[in-house]
């Protein structure tokens, strides 16, 4: 159940970021994918990127945008991806934990 997934509620911004892809079919252009990073506490979209594929580098590029704007949180940021494929999850964890700079 969804209620069980969120039993540990966030109490401040930058404790939990969620990632998601939204599929968009644009008539005459084809499929596009909106990659987002969302702050769980504020429900604010931290970063977004319109992509032509759903590759791991697309979502890590979106995470890079979020980190460029907000930097590293004082507490470790936990990323939650609900339907991401294993390679995408691994790429996200690596991107989130690499040294700054």
PDB file of N, CA and C in Angstrom:
ATOM      1  N   UNK A   1       0.829  -1.195   0.000  1.00  0.00           N
ATOM      2  CA  UNK A   1       0.000   0.000   0.000  1.00  0.00           C
ATOM      3  C   UNK A   1       0.872   1.256   0.000  1.00  0.00           C
ATOM      4  N   UNK A   2       0.364   2.293  -0.607  1.00  0.00           N
ATOM      5  CA  UNK A   2       1.100   3.554  -0.648  1.00  0.00           C
ATOM      6  C   UNK A   2       1.305   4.119   0.751  1.00  0.00           C
ATOM      7  N   UNK A   3       0.346   3.950   1.627  1.00  0.00           N
ATOM      8  CA  UNK A   3       0.456   4.480   2.995  1.00  0.00           C
ATOM      9  C   UNK A   3       1.662   3.890   3.710  1.00  0.00           C
ATOM     10  N   UNK A   4       1.957   2.620   3.455  1.00  0.00           N
ATOM     11  CA  UNK A   4       3.102   1.975   4.084  1.00  0.00           C
ATOM     12  C   UNK A   4       4.421   2.498   3.529  1.00  0.00           C
ATOM     13  N   UNK A   5       4.437   2.905   2.266  1.00  0.00           N
ATOM     14  CA  UNK A   5       5.650   3.414   1.640  1.00  0.00           C
ATOM     15  C   UNK A   5       6.130   4.708   2.291  1.00  0.00           C
ATOM     16  N   UNK A   6       5.212   5.492   2.826  1.00  0.00           N
ATOM     17  CA  UNK A   6       5.549   6.806   3.353  1.00  0.00           C
ATOM     18  C   UNK A   6       5.306   6.904   4.853  1.00  0.00           C
ATOM     19  N   UNK A   7       5.562   5.827   5.575  1.00  0.00           N
ATOM     20  CA  UNK A   7       5.325   5.830   7.023  1.00  0.00           C
ATOM     21  C   UNK A   7       6.308   6.735   7.758  1.00  0.00           C
ATOM     22  N   UNK A   8       7.523   6.903   7.220  1.00  0.00           N
ATOM     23  CA  UNK A   8       8.517   7.797   7.817  1.00  0.00           C
ATOM     24  C   UNK A   8       8.441   9.140   7.099  1.00  0.00           C
ATOM     25  N   UNK A   9       7.605  10.011   7.580  1.00  0.00           N
ATOM     26  CA  UNK A   9       7.363  11.307   6.932  1.00  0.00           C
ATOM     27  C   UNK A   9       8.572  12.227   7.075  1.00  0.00           C
ATOM     28  N   UNK A  10       8.801  13.018   6.047  1.00  0.00           N
ATOM     29  CA  UNK A  10       9.872  14.009   6.118  1.00  0.00           C
ATOM     30  C   UNK A  10       9.420  15.172   6.994  1.00  0.00           C
ATOM     31  N   UNK A  11      10.387  15.815   7.639  1.00  0.00           N
ATOM     32  CA  UNK A  11      10.072  16.911   8.558  1.00  0.00           C
ATOM     33  C   UNK A  11      10.694  18.235   8.122  1.00  0.00           C
ATOM     34  N   UNK A  12      11.461  18.206   7.025  1.00  0.00           N
ATOM     35  CA  UNK A  12      12.110  19.420   6.518  1.00  0.00           C
ATOM     36  C   UNK A  12      12.492  19.201   5.056  1.00  0.00           C
ATOM     37  N   UNK A  13      12.734  20.290   4.338  1.00  0.00           N
ATOM     38  CA  UNK A  13      13.181  20.142   2.943  1.00  0.00           C
ATOM     39  C   UNK A  13      14.527  19.413   2.854  1.00  0.00           C
ATOM     40  N   UNK A  14      14.765  18.817   1.696  1.00  0.00           N
ATOM     41  CA  UNK A  14      16.028  18.153   1.347  1.00  0.00           C
ATOM     42  C   UNK A  14      16.337  16.898   2.156  1.00  0.00           C
ATOM     43  N   UNK A  15      15.340  16.301   2.782  1.00  0.00           N
ATOM     44  CA  UNK A  15      15.553  15.013   3.439  1.00  0.00           C
ATOM     45  C   UNK A  15      15.291  13.872   2.462  1.00  0.00           C
ATOM     46  N   UNK A  16      14.360  14.075   1.538  1.00  0.00           N
ATOM     47  CA  UNK A  16      14.005  13.028   0.575  1.00  0.00           C
ATOM     48  C   UNK A  16      13.654  13.685  -0.745  1.00  0.00           C
ATOM     49  N   UNK A  17      14.374  13.319  -1.774  1.00  0.00           N
ATOM     50  CA  UNK A  17      14.032  13.747  -3.127  1.00  0.00           C
ATOM     51  C   UNK A  17      13.502  12.541  -3.874  1.00  0.00           C
ATOM     52  N   UNK A  18      12.461  12.730  -4.636  1.00  0.00           N
ATOM     53  CA  UNK A  18      11.895  11.678  -5.463  1.00  0.00           C
ATOM     54  C   UNK A  18      12.151  12.010  -6.922  1.00  0.00           C
ATOM     55  N   UNK A  19      12.362  10.974  -7.730  1.00  0.00           N
ATOM     56  CA  UNK A  19      12.537  11.175  -9.165  1.00  0.00           C
ATOM     57  C   UNK A  19      11.397  10.509  -9.909  1.00  0.00           C
ATOM     58  N   UNK A  20      11.098  11.050 -11.069  1.00  0.00           N
ATOM     59  CA  UNK A  20      10.004  10.475 -11.858  1.00  0.00           C
ATOM     60  C   UNK A  20      10.187  10.848 -13.319  1.00  0.00           C
ATOM     61  N   UNK A  21       9.675  10.014 -14.192  1.00  0.00           N
ATOM     62  CA  UNK A  21       9.533  10.302 -15.616  1.00  0.00           C
ATOM     63  C   UNK A  21       8.044  10.356 -15.927  1.00  0.00           C
ATOM     64  N   UNK A  22       7.619  11.364 -16.658  1.00  0.00           N
ATOM     65  CA  UNK A  22       6.247  11.450 -17.152  1.00  0.00           C
ATOM     66  C   UNK A  22       6.307  11.384 -18.670  1.00  0.00           C
ATOM     67  N   UNK A  23       5.521  10.509 -19.258  1.00  0.00           N
ATOM     68  CA  UNK A  23       5.488  10.331 -20.703  1.00  0.00           C
ATOM     69  C   UNK A  23       4.585  11.392 -21.325  1.00  0.00           C
ATOM     70  N   UNK A  24       5.048  12.010 -22.400  1.00  0.00           N
ATOM     71  CA  UNK A  24       4.246  12.998 -23.113  1.00  0.00           C
ATOM     72  C   UNK A  24       4.286  12.672 -24.598  1.00  0.00           C
ATOM     73  N   UNK A  25       3.115  12.512 -25.228  1.00  0.00           N
ATOM     74  CA  UNK A  25       3.077  12.317 -26.679  1.00  0.00           C
ATOM     75  C   UNK A  25       2.687  13.647 -27.308  1.00  0.00           C
ATOM     76  N   UNK A  26       3.607  14.207 -28.087  1.00  0.00           N
ATOM     77  CA  UNK A  26       3.372  15.483 -28.737  1.00  0.00           C
ATOM     78  C   UNK A  26       3.067  15.199 -30.200  1.00  0.00           C
ATOM     79  N   UNK A  27       1.852  15.551 -30.617  1.00  0.00           N
ATOM     80  CA  UNK A  27       1.398  15.275 -31.972  1.00  0.00           C
ATOM     81  C   UNK A  27       2.373  15.853 -32.990  1.00  0.00           C
ATOM     82  N   UNK A  28       2.785  15.006 -33.912  1.00  0.00           N
ATOM     83  CA  UNK A  28       3.708  15.421 -34.959  1.00  0.00           C
ATOM     84  C   UNK A  28       5.173  15.351 -34.559  1.00  0.00           C
ATOM     85  N   UNK A  29       5.447  15.196 -33.285  1.00  0.00           N
ATOM     86  CA  UNK A  29       6.832  15.149 -32.819  1.00  0.00           C
ATOM     87  C   UNK A  29       7.195  13.793 -32.224  1.00  0.00           C
ATOM     88  N   UNK A  30       6.241  13.121 -31.618  1.00  0.00           N
ATOM     89  CA  UNK A  30       6.512  11.830 -31.005  1.00  0.00           C
ATOM     90  C   UNK A  30       6.535  11.901 -29.485  1.00  0.00           C
ATOM     91  N   UNK A  31       7.196  10.903 -28.889  1.00  0.00           N
ATOM     92  CA  UNK A  31       7.227  10.772 -27.436  1.00  0.00           C
ATOM     93  C   UNK A  31       8.367  11.581 -26.825  1.00  0.00           C
ATOM     94  N   UNK A  32       8.062  12.243 -25.730  1.00  0.00           N
ATOM     95  CA  UNK A  32       9.039  12.957 -24.920  1.00  0.00           C
ATOM     96  C   UNK A  32       8.823  12.539 -23.466  1.00  0.00           C
ATOM     97  N   UNK A  33       9.833  12.740 -22.658  1.00  0.00           N
ATOM     98  CA  UNK A  33       9.787  12.286 -21.273  1.00  0.00           C
ATOM     99  C   UNK A  33      10.220  13.434 -20.367  1.00  0.00           C
ATOM    100  N   UNK A  34       9.371  13.783 -19.419  1.00  0.00           N
ATOM    101  CA  UNK A  34       9.681  14.840 -18.468  1.00  0.00           C
ATOM    102  C   UNK A  34      10.303  14.199 -17.233  1.00  0.00           C
ATOM    103  N   UNK A  35      11.578  14.451 -17.027  1.00  0.00           N
ATOM    104  CA  UNK A  35      12.307  13.931 -15.871  1.00  0.00           C
ATOM    105  C   UNK A  35      12.255  14.995 -14.777  1.00  0.00           C
ATOM    106  N   UNK A  36      11.832  14.611 -13.572  1.00  0.00           N
ATOM    107  CA  UNK A  36      11.720  15.567 -12.474  1.00  0.00           C
ATOM    108  C   UNK A  36      12.399  15.053 -11.212  1.00  0.00           C
ATOM    109  N   UNK A  37      12.847  16.003 -10.397  1.00  0.00           N
ATOM    110  CA  UNK A  37      13.313  15.729  -9.034  1.00  0.00           C
ATOM    111  C   UNK A  37      12.405  16.554  -8.131  1.00  0.00           C
ATOM    112  N   UNK A  38      11.715  15.889  -7.224  1.00  0.00           N
ATOM    113  CA  UNK A  38      10.716  16.517  -6.365  1.00  0.00           C
ATOM    114  C   UNK A  38      11.136  16.400  -4.906  1.00  0.00           C
ATOM    115  N   UNK A  39      11.052  17.509  -4.171  1.00  0.00           N
ATOM    116  CA  UNK A  39      11.310  17.471  -2.733  1.00  0.00           C
ATOM    117  C   UNK A  39      10.064  16.935  -2.039  1.00  0.00           C
ATOM    118  N   UNK A  40      10.219  15.859  -1.272  1.00  0.00           N
ATOM    119  CA  UNK A  40       9.069  15.204  -0.644  1.00  0.00           C
ATOM    120  C   UNK A  40       8.355  16.103   0.358  1.00  0.00           C
ATOM    121  N   UNK A  41       9.087  16.868   1.139  1.00  0.00           N
ATOM    122  CA  UNK A  41       8.478  17.684   2.186  1.00  0.00           C
ATOM    123  C   UNK A  41       7.676  18.851   1.612  1.00  0.00           C
ATOM    124  N   UNK A  42       8.303  19.627   0.738  1.00  0.00           N
ATOM    125  CA  UNK A  42       7.647  20.835   0.211  1.00  0.00           C
ATOM    126  C   UNK A  42       6.795  20.558  -1.017  1.00  0.00           C
ATOM    127  N   UNK A  43       7.001  19.390  -1.659  1.00  0.00           N
ATOM    128  CA  UNK A  43       6.347  19.028  -2.915  1.00  0.00           C
ATOM    129  C   UNK A  43       6.778  19.960  -4.045  1.00  0.00           C
ATOM    130  N   UNK A  44       7.914  20.635  -3.865  1.00  0.00           N
ATOM    131  CA  UNK A  44       8.472  21.565  -4.841  1.00  0.00           C
ATOM    132  C   UNK A  44       9.280  20.784  -5.876  1.00  0.00           C
ATOM    133  N   UNK A  45       9.120  21.125  -7.141  1.00  0.00           N
ATOM    134  CA  UNK A  45       9.942  20.508  -8.178  1.00  0.00           C
ATOM    135  C   UNK A  45      11.308  21.176  -8.122  1.00  0.00           C
ATOM    136  N   UNK A  46      12.288  20.433  -7.680  1.00  0.00           N
ATOM    137  CA  UNK A  46      13.639  20.935  -7.486  1.00  0.00           C
ATOM    138  C   UNK A  46      14.321  21.153  -8.836  1.00  0.00           C
ATOM    139  N   UNK A  47      14.096  20.236  -9.782  1.00  0.00           N
ATOM    140  CA  UNK A  47      14.673  20.350 -11.122  1.00  0.00           C
ATOM    141  C   UNK A  47      13.833  19.539 -12.096  1.00  0.00           C
ATOM    142  N   UNK A  48      13.874  19.942 -13.361  1.00  0.00           N
ATOM    143  CA  UNK A  48      13.181  19.186 -14.398  1.00  0.00           C
ATOM    144  C   UNK A  48      13.948  19.303 -15.705  1.00  0.00           C
ATOM    145  N   UNK A  49      13.730  18.304 -16.575  1.00  0.00           N
ATOM    146  CA  UNK A  49      14.398  18.287 -17.867  1.00  0.00           C
ATOM    147  C   UNK A  49      13.507  17.517 -18.837  1.00  0.00           C
ATOM    148  N   UNK A  50      13.284  18.083 -20.002  1.00  0.00           N
ATOM    149  CA  UNK A  50      12.525  17.407 -21.047  1.00  0.00           C
ATOM    150  C   UNK A  50      13.509  16.579 -21.869  1.00  0.00           C
ATOM    151  N   UNK A  51      13.247  15.282 -21.954  1.00  0.00           N
ATOM    152  CA  UNK A  51      14.195  14.351 -22.582  1.00  0.00           C
ATOM    153  C   UNK A  51      13.549  13.642 -23.762  1.00  0.00           C
ATOM    154  N   UNK A  52      14.387  13.164 -24.669  1.00  0.00           N
ATOM    155  CA  UNK A  52      13.889  12.380 -25.800  1.00  0.00           C
ATOM    156  C   UNK A  52      14.020  10.886 -25.549  1.00  0.00           C
ATOM    157  N   UNK A  53      14.693  10.510 -24.464  1.00  0.00           N
ATOM    158  CA  UNK A  53      14.831   9.102 -24.080  1.00  0.00           C
ATOM    159  C   UNK A  53      14.608   8.968 -22.577  1.00  0.00           C
ATOM    160  N   UNK A  54      14.579   7.725 -22.112  1.00  0.00           N
ATOM    161  CA  UNK A  54      14.465   7.460 -20.675  1.00  0.00           C
ATOM    162  C   UNK A  54      15.720   6.753 -20.172  1.00  0.00           C
ATOM    163  N   UNK A  55      16.860   7.207 -20.621  1.00  0.00           N
ATOM    164  CA  UNK A  55      18.122   6.586 -20.230  1.00  0.00           C
ATOM    165  C   UNK A  55      18.568   7.083 -18.860  1.00  0.00           C
ATOM    166  N   UNK A  56      19.436   6.291 -18.230  1.00  0.00           N
ATOM    167  CA  UNK A  56      19.939   6.649 -16.901  1.00  0.00           C
ATOM    168  C   UNK A  56      20.602   8.014 -16.914  1.00  0.00           C
ATOM    169  N   UNK A  57      21.326   8.352 -17.995  1.00  0.00           N
ATOM    170  CA  UNK A  57      22.001   9.651 -18.035  1.00  0.00           C
ATOM    171  C   UNK A  57      21.015  10.811 -18.093  1.00  0.00           C
ATOM    172  N   UNK A  58      19.795  10.568 -18.558  1.00  0.00           N
ATOM    173  CA  UNK A  58      18.781  11.636 -18.560  1.00  0.00           C
ATOM    174  C   UNK A  58      18.378  11.990 -17.134  1.00  0.00           C
ATOM    175  N   UNK A  59      18.141  10.981 -16.327  1.00  0.00           N
ATOM    176  CA  UNK A  59      17.714  11.249 -14.958  1.00  0.00           C
ATOM    177  C   UNK A  59      18.882  11.747 -14.105  1.00  0.00           C
ATOM    178  N   UNK A  60      20.096  11.270 -14.373  1.00  0.00           N
ATOM    179  CA  UNK A  60      21.234  11.797 -13.622  1.00  0.00           C
ATOM    180  C   UNK A  60      21.520  13.241 -14.014  1.00  0.00           C
ATOM    181  N   UNK A  61      21.249  13.606 -15.272  1.00  0.00           N
ATOM    182  CA  UNK A  61      21.406  15.007 -15.685  1.00  0.00           C
ATOM    183  C   UNK A  61      20.417  15.895 -14.936  1.00  0.00           C
ATOM    184  N   UNK A  62      19.208  15.389 -14.712  1.00  0.00           N
ATOM    185  CA  UNK A  62      18.216  16.145 -13.951  1.00  0.00           C
ATOM    186  C   UNK A  62      18.664  16.280 -12.500  1.00  0.00           C
ATOM    187  N   UNK A  63      19.210  15.223 -11.946  1.00  0.00           N
ATOM    188  CA  UNK A  63      19.741  15.280 -10.582  1.00  0.00           C
ATOM    189  C   UNK A  63      20.901  16.272 -10.504  1.00  0.00           C
ATOM    190  N   UNK A  64      21.751  16.297 -11.527  1.00  0.00           N
ATOM    191  CA  UNK A  64      22.851  17.268 -11.562  1.00  0.00           C
ATOM    192  C   UNK A  64      22.320  18.703 -11.550  1.00  0.00           C
ATOM    193  N   UNK A  65      21.216  18.951 -12.269  1.00  0.00           N
ATOM    194  CA  UNK A  65      20.601  20.283 -12.249  1.00  0.00           C
ATOM    195  C   UNK A  65      20.151  20.643 -10.830  1.00  0.00           C
ATOM    196  N   UNK A  66      19.526  19.692 -10.151  1.00  0.00           N
ATOM    197  CA  UNK A  66      19.060  19.941  -8.781  1.00  0.00           C
ATOM    198  C   UNK A  66      20.232  20.220  -7.850  1.00  0.00           C
ATOM    199  N   UNK A  67      21.286  19.444  -7.972  1.00  0.00           N
ATOM    200  CA  UNK A  67      22.457  19.633  -7.107  1.00  0.00           C
ATOM    201  C   UNK A  67      23.181  20.933  -7.421  1.00  0.00           C
ATOM    202  N   UNK A  68      23.166  21.351  -8.682  1.00  0.00           N
ATOM    203  CA  UNK A  68      23.814  22.615  -9.057  1.00  0.00           C
ATOM    204  C   UNK A  68      23.101  23.803  -8.429  1.00  0.00           C
ATOM    205  N   UNK A  69      21.790  23.719  -8.321  1.00  0.00           N
ATOM    206  CA  UNK A  69      21.004  24.818  -7.749  1.00  0.00           C
ATOM    207  C   UNK A  69      21.042  24.789  -6.230  1.00  0.00           C
ATOM    208  N   UNK A  70      20.867  23.603  -5.639  1.00  0.00           N
ATOM    209  CA  UNK A  70      20.706  23.497  -4.200  1.00  0.00           C
ATOM    210  C   UNK A  70      21.927  22.970  -3.476  1.00  0.00           C
ATOM    211  N   UNK A  71      22.895  22.493  -4.219  1.00  0.00           N
ATOM    212  CA  UNK A  71      24.095  21.948  -3.579  1.00  0.00           C
ATOM    213  C   UNK A  71      23.772  20.698  -2.791  1.00  0.00           C
ATOM    214  N   UNK A  72      24.667  20.328  -1.965  1.00  0.00           N
ATOM    215  CA  UNK A  72      24.456  19.138  -1.130  1.00  0.00           C
ATOM    216  C   UNK A  72      23.770  19.559   0.164  1.00  0.00           C
ATOM    217  N   UNK A  73      22.774  18.809   0.532  1.00  0.00           N
ATOM    218  CA  UNK A  73      22.064  19.082   1.788  1.00  0.00           C
ATOM    219  C   UNK A  73      22.978  18.721   2.948  1.00  0.00           C
ATOM    220  N   UNK A  74      22.801  19.377   4.113  1.00  0.00           N
ATOM    221  CA  UNK A  74      23.636  19.040   5.263  1.00  0.00           C
ATOM    222  C   UNK A  74      23.439  17.595   5.716  1.00  0.00           C
ATOM    223  N   UNK A  75      22.241  17.082   5.554  1.00  0.00           N
ATOM    224  CA  UNK A  75      21.970  15.679   5.854  1.00  0.00           C
ATOM    225  C   UNK A  75      22.055  14.901   4.549  1.00  0.00           C
ATOM    226  N   UNK A  76      22.335  13.604   4.594  1.00  0.00           N
ATOM    227  CA  UNK A  76      22.352  12.852   3.337  1.00  0.00           C
ATOM    228  C   UNK A  76      20.961  12.886   2.696  1.00  0.00           C
ATOM    229  N   UNK A  77      20.906  13.171   1.436  1.00  0.00           N
ATOM    230  CA  UNK A  77      19.641  13.172   0.707  1.00  0.00           C
ATOM    231  C   UNK A  77      19.335  11.741   0.293  1.00  0.00           C
ATOM    232  N   UNK A  78      18.125  11.296   0.581  1.00  0.00           N
ATOM    233  CA  UNK A  78      17.677   9.967   0.174  1.00  0.00           C
ATOM    234  C   UNK A  78      16.881  10.146  -1.102  1.00  0.00           C
ATOM    235  N   UNK A  79      17.192   9.366  -2.112  1.00  0.00           N
ATOM    236  CA  UNK A  79      16.448   9.420  -3.364  1.00  0.00           C
ATOM    237  C   UNK A  79      15.480   8.261  -3.415  1.00  0.00           C
ATOM    238  N   UNK A  80      14.259   8.537  -3.817  1.00  0.00           N
ATOM    239  CA  UNK A  80      13.263   7.483  -3.944  1.00  0.00           C
ATOM    240  C   UNK A  80      12.797   7.444  -5.393  1.00  0.00           C
ATOM    241  N   UNK A  81      12.998   6.316  -6.035  1.00  0.00           N
ATOM    242  CA  UNK A  81      12.483   6.108  -7.380  1.00  0.00           C
ATOM    243  C   UNK A  81      11.547   4.917  -7.302  1.00  0.00           C
ATOM    244  N   UNK A  82      10.345   5.104  -7.754  1.00  0.00           N
ATOM    245  CA  UNK A  82       9.353   4.052  -7.590  1.00  0.00           C
ATOM    246  C   UNK A  82       9.442   3.011  -8.699  1.00  0.00           C
ATOM    247  N   UNK A  83       9.521   3.445  -9.940  1.00  0.00           N
ATOM    248  CA  UNK A  83       9.477   2.492 -11.047  1.00  0.00           C
ATOM    249  C   UNK A  83      10.754   2.488 -11.873  1.00  0.00           C
ATOM    250  N   UNK A  84      11.831   2.986 -11.333  1.00  0.00           N
ATOM    251  CA  UNK A  84      13.070   3.058 -12.111  1.00  0.00           C
ATOM    252  C   UNK A  84      13.675   1.675 -12.284  1.00  0.00           C
ATOM    253  N   UNK A  85      14.235   1.461 -13.449  1.00  0.00           N
ATOM    254  CA  UNK A  85      14.948   0.218 -13.717  1.00  0.00           C
ATOM    255  C   UNK A  85      16.229   0.200 -12.883  1.00  0.00           C
ATOM    256  N   UNK A  86      16.740  -0.992 -12.625  1.00  0.00           N
ATOM    257  CA  UNK A  86      17.930  -1.142 -11.784  1.00  0.00           C
ATOM    258  C   UNK A  86      19.113  -0.299 -12.254  1.00  0.00           C
ATOM    259  N   UNK A  87      19.444  -0.243 -13.562  1.00  0.00           N
ATOM    260  CA  UNK A  87      20.582   0.589 -13.964  1.00  0.00           C
ATOM    261  C   UNK A  87      20.368   2.070 -13.640  1.00  0.00           C
ATOM    262  N   UNK A  88      19.136   2.540 -13.738  1.00  0.00           N
ATOM    263  CA  UNK A  88      18.844   3.937 -13.416  1.00  0.00           C
ATOM    264  C   UNK A  88      19.015   4.178 -11.927  1.00  0.00           C
ATOM    265  N   UNK A  89      18.548   3.254 -11.085  1.00  0.00           N
ATOM    266  CA  UNK A  89      18.715   3.402  -9.634  1.00  0.00           C
ATOM    267  C   UNK A  89      20.188   3.440  -9.265  1.00  0.00           C
ATOM    268  N   UNK A  90      20.987   2.562  -9.863  1.00  0.00           N
ATOM    269  CA  UNK A  90      22.423   2.525  -9.571  1.00  0.00           C
ATOM    270  C   UNK A  90      23.069   3.841 -10.001  1.00  0.00           C
ATOM    271  N   UNK A  91      22.714   4.342 -11.187  1.00  0.00           N
ATOM    272  CA  UNK A  91      23.278   5.608 -11.677  1.00  0.00           C
ATOM    273  C   UNK A  91      22.907   6.759 -10.763  1.00  0.00           C
ATOM    274  N   UNK A  92      21.672   6.772 -10.255  1.00  0.00           N
ATOM    275  CA  UNK A  92      21.240   7.835  -9.347  1.00  0.00           C
ATOM    276  C   UNK A  92      22.010   7.806  -8.040  1.00  0.00           C
ATOM    277  N   UNK A  93      22.174   6.642  -7.477  1.00  0.00           N
ATOM    278  CA  UNK A  93      22.901   6.525  -6.210  1.00  0.00           C
ATOM    279  C   UNK A  93      24.340   6.991  -6.400  1.00  0.00           C
ATOM    280  N   UNK A  94      24.965   6.585  -7.493  1.00  0.00           N
ATOM    281  CA  UNK A  94      26.343   7.020  -7.763  1.00  0.00           C
ATOM    282  C   UNK A  94      26.424   8.528  -7.943  1.00  0.00           C
ATOM    283  N   UNK A  95      25.479   9.097  -8.698  1.00  0.00           N
ATOM    284  CA  UNK A  95      25.484  10.545  -8.942  1.00  0.00           C
ATOM    285  C   UNK A  95      25.256  11.324  -7.653  1.00  0.00           C
ATOM    286  N   UNK A  96      24.353  10.858  -6.815  1.00  0.00           N
ATOM    287  CA  UNK A  96      24.031  11.561  -5.580  1.00  0.00           C
ATOM    288  C   UNK A  96      25.173  11.510  -4.575  1.00  0.00           C
ATOM    289  N   UNK A  97      25.991  10.461  -4.634  1.00  0.00           N
ATOM    290  CA  UNK A  97      27.038  10.273  -3.635  1.00  0.00           C
ATOM    291  C   UNK A  97      28.436  10.640  -4.106  1.00  0.00           C
ATOM    292  N   UNK A  98      28.561  11.126  -5.344  1.00  0.00           N
ATOM    293  CA  UNK A  98      29.909  11.486  -5.802  1.00  0.00           C
ATOM    294  C   UNK A  98      30.360  12.788  -5.131  1.00  0.00           C
ATOM    295  N   UNK A  99      31.633  12.969  -5.004  1.00  0.00           N
ATOM    296  CA  UNK A  99      32.142  14.183  -4.345  1.00  0.00           C
ATOM    297  C   UNK A  99      31.744  15.447  -5.096  1.00  0.00           C
ATOM    298  N   UNK A 100      31.516  16.508  -4.378  1.00  0.00           N
ATOM    299  CA  UNK A 100      31.165  17.799  -4.992  1.00  0.00           C
ATOM    300  C   UNK A 100      32.365  18.331  -5.748  1.00  0.00           C
ATOM    301  N   UNK A 101      32.052  19.136  -6.812  1.00  0.00           N
ATOM    302  CA  UNK A 101      33.124  19.779  -7.559  1.00  0.00           C
ATOM    303  C   UNK A 101      33.401  19.047  -8.774  1.00  0.00           C
TER     304      UNK A 101
END
